[in-house]
Protein backbone atom coordinates (compact mmCIF):
# COMPACT_ATOMS: atom_id res chain seq x y z
CA UNK A 1 42.48 18.48 38.28
CA UNK A 2 44.11 16.36 35.58
CA UNK A 3 42.85 13.12 37.10
CA UNK A 4 39.32 14.37 37.24
CA UNK A 5 39.38 15.24 33.61
CA UNK A 6 40.86 11.78 32.87
CA UNK A 7 38.03 10.16 34.91
CA UNK A 8 35.42 12.14 33.04
CA UNK A 9 36.98 11.14 29.76
CA UNK A 10 36.90 7.38 30.65
CA UNK A 11 33.16 7.70 31.78
CA UNK A 12 32.31 9.34 28.44
CA UNK A 13 34.30 6.71 26.43
CA UNK A 14 32.59 3.83 28.27
CA UNK A 15 29.08 5.27 27.88
CA UNK A 16 29.78 5.82 24.10
CA UNK A 17 31.04 2.32 23.61
CA UNK A 18 28.01 0.84 25.21
CA UNK A 19 25.76 2.89 22.94
CA UNK A 20 27.93 2.06 19.85
CA UNK A 21 27.48 -1.72 20.30
CA UNK A 22 23.81 -1.30 20.91
CA UNK A 23 22.63 -2.15 17.42
CA UNK A 24 23.89 -2.92 13.92
CA UNK A 25 22.58 -0.10 11.80
CA UNK A 26 20.31 1.62 14.22
CA UNK A 27 21.46 4.20 16.82
CA UNK A 28 19.43 5.66 19.52
CA UNK A 29 20.54 9.36 19.80
CA UNK A 30 18.61 11.87 22.06
CA UNK A 31 15.45 9.70 21.96
CA UNK A 32 15.64 9.62 18.17
CA UNK A 33 16.15 6.33 16.25
CA UNK A 34 18.50 6.68 13.23
CA UNK A 35 19.02 3.76 10.82
CA UNK A 36 22.28 4.03 8.86
CA UNK A 37 22.23 2.35 5.35
CA UNK A 38 25.75 2.98 4.01
CA UNK A 39 26.13 6.69 3.64
CA UNK A 40 22.27 7.25 3.88
CA UNK A 41 20.43 7.80 7.07
CA UNK A 42 16.75 7.54 7.82
CA UNK A 43 14.60 8.36 10.96
CA UNK A 44 12.92 5.19 12.24
CA UNK A 45 9.70 5.35 14.24
CA UNK A 46 7.47 2.35 15.41
CA UNK A 47 3.86 2.37 16.59
CA UNK A 48 1.40 -0.19 17.72
CA UNK A 49 -1.87 1.74 17.28
CA UNK A 50 -4.24 -0.93 18.58
CA UNK A 51 -2.64 -1.44 21.84
CA UNK A 52 -0.32 1.60 22.49
CA UNK A 53 -2.10 4.46 20.70
CA UNK A 54 0.35 7.06 19.48
CA UNK A 55 3.36 5.95 21.65
CA UNK A 56 6.60 5.87 19.54
CA UNK A 57 9.00 2.91 19.81
CA UNK A 58 12.46 2.21 18.58
CA UNK A 59 13.70 -1.29 19.22
CA UNK A 60 11.27 -2.79 21.61
CA UNK A 61 7.61 -3.24 20.83
CA UNK A 62 5.67 -4.32 23.94
CA UNK A 63 2.94 -6.14 22.25
CA UNK A 64 2.05 -8.73 19.65
CA UNK A 65 -0.35 -7.60 16.84
CA UNK A 66 -0.36 -4.83 14.34
CA UNK A 67 2.76 -2.82 14.26
CA UNK A 68 3.59 0.13 12.01
CA UNK A 69 7.24 1.04 11.13
CA UNK A 70 8.00 4.41 9.45
CA UNK A 71 11.32 5.27 7.73
CA UNK A 72 11.64 8.96 7.05
CA UNK A 73 14.52 9.47 4.68
CA UNK A 74 17.01 12.10 5.83
CA UNK A 75 18.86 12.22 2.52
CA UNK A 76 17.06 13.55 -0.57
CA UNK A 77 18.93 11.01 -2.74
CA UNK A 78 17.40 8.20 -0.76
CA UNK A 79 14.03 9.20 -2.22
CA UNK A 80 15.48 8.63 -5.72
CA UNK A 81 16.67 4.97 -5.26
CA UNK A 82 14.91 1.64 -4.63
CA UNK A 83 14.65 0.87 -0.95
CA UNK A 84 13.62 -2.61 0.38
CA UNK A 85 12.58 -3.75 3.93
CA UNK A 86 12.70 -7.23 5.25
CA UNK A 87 11.88 -8.64 8.71
CA UNK A 88 13.15 -11.99 9.83
CA UNK A 89 12.88 -14.04 13.00
CA UNK A 90 16.23 -13.93 14.80
CA UNK A 91 17.62 -17.44 14.91
CA UNK A 92 21.24 -16.23 14.84
CA UNK A 93 21.63 -15.87 18.48
CA UNK A 94 23.60 -12.76 18.00
CA UNK A 95 21.19 -10.19 19.55
CA UNK A 96 22.37 -6.62 19.65
CA UNK A 97 25.56 -7.58 17.91
CA UNK A 98 24.10 -8.89 14.74
CA UNK A 99 25.59 -7.75 11.49
CA UNK A 100 24.93 -8.21 7.85
CA UNK A 101 27.63 -10.75 7.54
CA UNK A 102 25.68 -12.87 10.00
CA UNK A 103 22.55 -12.53 7.99
CA UNK A 104 24.43 -13.62 4.80
CA UNK A 105 25.21 -16.87 6.40
CA UNK A 106 21.48 -17.86 6.41
CA UNK A 107 21.02 -20.45 3.66
CA UNK A 108 17.41 -19.78 2.79
CA UNK A 109 16.42 -16.32 4.12
CA UNK A 110 12.76 -16.85 2.94
CA UNK A 111 12.27 -19.54 5.49
CA UNK A 112 12.78 -17.05 8.40
CA UNK A 113 11.23 -14.08 6.62
CA UNK A 114 7.90 -12.78 8.21
CA UNK A 115 7.62 -9.54 6.08
CA UNK A 116 9.26 -8.47 2.77
CA UNK A 117 8.77 -5.17 0.91
CA UNK A 118 10.74 -5.51 -2.43
CA UNK A 119 12.95 -2.47 -3.27
CA UNK A 120 10.63 0.47 -4.24
CA UNK A 121 11.28 4.26 -5.02
CA UNK A 122 9.38 6.40 -2.49
CA UNK A 123 9.52 9.96 -3.98
CA UNK A 124 7.86 11.32 -0.81
CA UNK A 125 10.90 10.27 1.20
CA UNK A 126 8.79 8.07 3.58
CA UNK A 127 8.33 4.27 3.86
CA UNK A 128 5.50 2.98 5.80
CA UNK A 129 5.37 -0.75 6.82
CA UNK A 130 2.50 -2.41 8.54
CA UNK A 131 2.76 -5.95 9.78
CA UNK A 132 0.91 -8.06 12.22
CA UNK A 133 3.23 -9.93 14.46
CA UNK A 134 1.52 -13.34 15.57
CA UNK A 135 4.21 -14.23 17.93
CA UNK A 136 6.49 -12.56 20.38
CA UNK A 137 10.13 -12.95 20.09
CA UNK A 138 13.33 -11.45 18.71
CA UNK A 139 13.49 -10.19 15.20
CA UNK A 140 15.84 -8.51 12.75
CA UNK A 141 15.01 -5.71 10.33
CA UNK A 142 16.93 -5.38 7.10
CA UNK A 143 16.86 -2.36 5.04
CA UNK A 144 18.53 -2.22 1.60
CA UNK A 145 19.11 0.85 -0.63
CA UNK A 146 20.78 1.30 -4.06
CA UNK A 147 23.34 3.89 -5.06
CA UNK A 148 22.07 6.87 -7.17
CA UNK A 149 24.67 6.38 -9.91
CA UNK A 150 26.02 2.86 -9.82
CA UNK A 151 24.98 -0.84 -8.95
CA UNK A 152 26.06 -0.72 -5.25
CA UNK A 153 23.54 -1.86 -2.71
CA UNK A 154 23.84 -0.64 0.95
CA UNK A 155 22.33 -2.66 3.75
CA UNK A 156 21.36 -1.83 7.41
CA UNK A 157 20.69 -4.70 9.93
CA UNK A 158 19.10 -4.05 13.20
CA UNK A 159 17.55 -6.20 15.94
CA UNK A 160 14.26 -5.51 17.73
CA UNK A 161 11.92 -7.40 19.96
CA UNK A 162 8.13 -7.95 20.03
CA UNK A 163 6.47 -8.65 23.37
CA UNK A 164 9.72 -9.39 24.91
CA UNK A 165 11.53 -7.02 27.41
CA UNK A 166 15.23 -6.79 26.68
CA UNK A 167 17.88 -6.16 29.39
CA UNK A 168 18.91 -2.48 28.91
CA UNK A 169 22.62 -3.18 28.60
CA UNK A 170 23.51 0.27 27.25
CA UNK A 171 21.85 1.92 30.39
CA UNK A 172 23.29 -0.55 32.78
CA UNK A 173 26.77 -0.09 31.22
CA UNK A 174 26.52 3.69 31.57
CA UNK A 175 25.42 3.47 35.11
CA UNK A 176 28.08 1.07 35.89
CA UNK A 177 30.60 3.43 34.28
CA UNK A 178 29.24 6.31 36.34
CA UNK A 179 29.41 4.20 39.49
CA UNK A 180 33.06 3.32 38.77
CA UNK A 181 33.91 6.87 37.97
CA UNK A 182 32.33 8.09 41.25
CA UNK A 183 34.23 5.51 43.24
CA UNK A 184 37.41 6.47 41.53
CA UNK A 185 36.78 10.20 42.18
CA UNK A 186 36.13 9.27 45.89
CA UNK A 187 39.35 7.29 46.05
CA UNK A 188 41.32 10.21 44.61
CA UNK A 189 39.73 12.84 46.99
CA UNK A 190 40.48 10.44 49.94
CA UNK A 191 44.20 9.94 49.06
CA UNK A 192 44.71 13.68 49.03
CA UNK A 193 43.93 14.08 52.66
CA UNK A 194 46.63 14.06 55.27
CA UNK A 195 46.14 12.63 58.72
CA UNK A 196 46.58 14.90 61.75
CA UNK A 197 47.91 13.57 65.03
């Protein structure tokens, strides 16, 4: 029984690790996209109304064209501070592993910026961004938020694609972990049998 519990623990940890590295600043949790900006969190939802009607997207937009991104603040204090939103073309080559430290190395961020909303206070706790993507490719979203009582600035960085299908590494990793766990359990059950003459 102990080995089965250990196997289940290994499978859970592997699937958690696959999900944890899936994005810098954005987590897909039970079909909900959550952006973490320092100690703040916001619910992220994307739409492509001209081509996909009311379908919701998180990190993969299937088409070029008009794209609407909505940040619903999950902390009341986030509606009291300036929040900015920038979209840049991903020329870093870091993919799902991009971090703010990588973005800071860009010498002139304006050269790769396709959209910029300067920091603004949204008292209704919702920021709506509408942008027309002219070309498919990989992009990086950057959300900044101030602190309510000091000069600290918090940043979330998350990759997303437009018109490009990404390999679902998180799902593949989880399936691989489950397959390995299943083989391991089959091996354990096979070693417990004794041969009869």
